[in-house]
Structure formats: structure tokens, C-alpha cells
Protein backbone atom coordinates (compact mmCIF):
# COMPACT_ATOMS: atom_id res chain seq x y z
CA GLN A 1 10.56 -3.59 15.42
CA VAL A 2 11.88 -2.68 12.00
CA HIS A 3 12.05 0.98 11.10
CA LEU A 4 11.98 2.01 7.47
CA VAL A 5 12.85 5.49 6.27
CA GLU A 6 12.26 6.42 2.66
CA SER A 7 13.73 9.14 0.52
CA GLY A 8 14.16 10.05 -3.11
CA GLY A 9 10.65 10.96 -4.20
CA GLY A 10 9.88 14.08 -6.12
CA SER A 11 8.52 15.50 -9.34
CA VAL A 12 9.87 14.54 -12.72
CA GLN A 13 8.88 14.78 -16.36
CA ALA A 14 7.69 11.76 -18.27
CA GLY A 15 10.65 9.77 -19.47
CA GLY A 16 12.77 10.81 -16.54
CA SER A 17 14.26 8.78 -13.73
CA LEU A 18 14.22 8.66 -9.96
CA ARG A 19 15.85 6.41 -7.42
CA LEU A 20 14.02 5.72 -4.20
CA SER A 21 15.89 4.63 -1.09
CA CYS A 22 14.65 2.87 2.00
CA ALA A 23 16.97 2.66 4.99
CA ALA A 24 16.17 -0.15 7.41
CA SER A 25 17.09 -0.23 11.07
CA GLY A 26 16.18 -2.21 14.15
CA TYR A 27 15.82 -5.95 14.33
CA MET A 28 15.85 -7.68 10.98
CA TYR A 29 14.90 -11.32 10.72
CA SER A 30 17.39 -13.52 8.94
CA ARG A 31 14.64 -14.58 6.58
CA HIS A 32 12.58 -11.67 5.36
CA CYS A 33 10.91 -10.08 2.40
CA MET A 34 11.20 -6.50 1.29
CA GLY A 35 9.20 -4.70 -1.29
CA TRP A 36 8.00 -1.48 -2.83
CA PHE A 37 4.34 -0.62 -3.06
CA ARG A 38 2.44 2.34 -4.40
CA GLN A 39 -0.96 3.81 -3.81
CA VAL A 40 -3.20 6.36 -5.44
CA PRO A 41 -6.05 7.90 -3.41
CA GLY A 42 -9.13 5.73 -3.61
CA LYS A 43 -7.21 2.71 -4.89
CA GLU A 44 -5.76 -0.39 -3.30
CA ARG A 45 -2.12 -0.39 -2.35
CA GLU A 46 -0.36 -2.28 -5.12
CA GLY A 47 2.87 -4.21 -5.17
CA VAL A 48 5.55 -2.77 -7.45
CA ALA A 49 8.69 -4.79 -6.81
CA GLY A 50 9.87 -7.35 -4.29
CA LEU A 51 13.14 -8.86 -3.13
CA ASP A 52 13.56 -11.86 -0.86
CA SER A 53 16.49 -13.06 1.25
CA ASP A 54 17.72 -15.25 -1.60
CA GLY A 55 17.83 -12.37 -4.03
CA ILE A 56 14.73 -13.40 -5.95
CA ARG A 57 13.08 -10.38 -7.53
CA SER A 58 9.54 -9.84 -8.61
CA TYR A 59 7.88 -6.98 -10.47
CA ALA A 60 4.46 -5.82 -11.37
CA ASP A 61 3.84 -6.23 -15.08
CA SER A 62 3.36 -2.50 -15.44
CA VAL A 63 6.94 -1.73 -14.38
CA LYS A 64 8.93 -4.64 -15.79
CA GLY A 65 11.82 -3.44 -17.86
CA ARG A 66 11.65 0.05 -16.36
CA PHE A 67 12.10 -0.42 -12.60
CA THR A 68 14.84 -2.28 -10.78
CA ILE A 69 14.83 -3.29 -7.13
CA SER A 70 18.15 -3.77 -5.38
CA LYS A 71 19.73 -3.67 -1.96
CA ASP A 72 22.96 -2.70 -0.29
CA ASN A 73 23.42 -5.09 2.60
CA ALA A 74 26.26 -3.10 4.13
CA LYS A 75 24.03 -0.04 4.34
CA ASN A 76 20.82 -1.93 5.11
CA THR A 77 19.21 0.01 2.32
CA LEU A 78 16.70 -1.00 -0.31
CA TYR A 79 16.51 0.86 -3.61
CA LEU A 80 14.06 1.25 -6.42
CA GLN A 81 15.54 2.61 -9.62
CA MET A 82 12.74 3.98 -11.77
CA ASN A 83 13.46 4.76 -15.40
CA SER A 84 11.26 5.84 -18.28
CA LEU A 85 8.70 7.15 -15.86
CA LYS A 86 5.14 7.60 -17.03
CA PRO A 87 2.34 9.78 -15.67
CA GLU A 88 0.56 6.62 -14.52
CA ASP A 89 3.49 5.95 -12.18
CA THR A 90 2.37 8.92 -10.11
CA ALA A 91 1.61 7.64 -6.62
CA MET A 92 2.73 7.52 -3.04
CA TYR A 93 5.47 4.92 -2.85
CA TYR A 94 6.11 2.84 0.26
CA CYS A 95 8.76 0.35 1.19
CA ALA A 96 7.81 -2.53 3.42
CA SER A 97 9.19 -5.65 5.04
CA LYS A 98 8.01 -8.84 6.67
CA PRO A 99 9.61 -11.88 8.25
CA GLY A 100 9.40 -15.11 6.36
CA SER A 101 10.67 -17.02 3.38
CA TRP A 102 7.71 -16.90 1.03
CA CYS A 103 7.39 -13.44 -0.45
CA VAL A 104 4.25 -12.36 -2.20
CA LEU A 105 3.65 -8.74 -3.19
CA SER A 106 0.42 -8.39 -1.28
CA ALA A 107 0.27 -5.40 1.05
CA HIS A 108 -1.75 -7.19 3.72
CA ASN A 109 1.12 -9.65 4.24
CA TYR A 110 3.64 -7.00 5.20
CA ASP A 111 4.25 -5.90 8.77
CA TYR A 112 6.50 -2.86 8.63
CA TRP A 113 6.09 0.20 6.47
CA GLY A 114 7.91 3.38 5.67
CA GLN A 115 6.24 6.75 5.79
CA GLY A 116 5.78 6.95 2.05
CA THR A 117 7.37 9.23 -0.51
CA GLN A 118 5.46 10.98 -3.25
CA VAL A 119 6.38 10.47 -6.89
CA THR A 120 4.75 12.77 -9.41
CA VAL A 121 5.34 12.35 -13.13
CA SER A 122 4.18 15.10 -15.45
CA SER A 123 3.57 14.79 -19.16
């Protein structure tokens, strides 16, 4: 079982920045995928950014150039640096992980989820 604990959400003005953190604990497969997802009520959970065991990153088109996914292996922590935030970035953000080598940012493929952290961007 992998436990994921998120932090860093909050309210910010448009154009501002936030950094989300996701601390992982428990058993971690040597080959795994980690990612950030977000969800607005009534909408599908959407992939935001992903990172595989080889360091390959992927981003949703809507956040490319503004968001950066990274990890600190020593701390077993995944980060999402969010810059130039827009009101449309407002959502509940989740980190997630899954075992495996092929990482696709589809929520149904992921096994373990954090509790979610709310990000609200005001204009």
C-alpha cells in the first residue's frame, strides 16, 4: 500500500504561484508512475502532469510552460510548481501513483491517490 499526503493548496490571485507537495510512504514499486490530476465538480478527473521512473515528464497542453513536475527522491516527495495561475486552474488537485513502466495520464489507470488539495485562483 502506498500512502500519499498532499499539501500546498490554497487561494491565490491570477498570475500568482503555488507549489503542491505530495509525500509518499509505504511500499513503492521500483517501476512506477506518479502524476498530478485535477477535478472540478461535475467534470472528469483530468491529468495535469506525470513523471515516470526514468524521469520522463508529460503535461496537459493547458499547463505546458506554466507548471513543472519534479521529485525529491531522498524525501520521497513529488512536487507540482504552478506559475502564472489562471482562474481556470481552479480545481481539486490530487497526486497519484501506480506500478508499471508505461505511464499514461489517465485517472482510471492509477491505483493510489492522495486526499486532494484545493486550489482556487481568483481574477
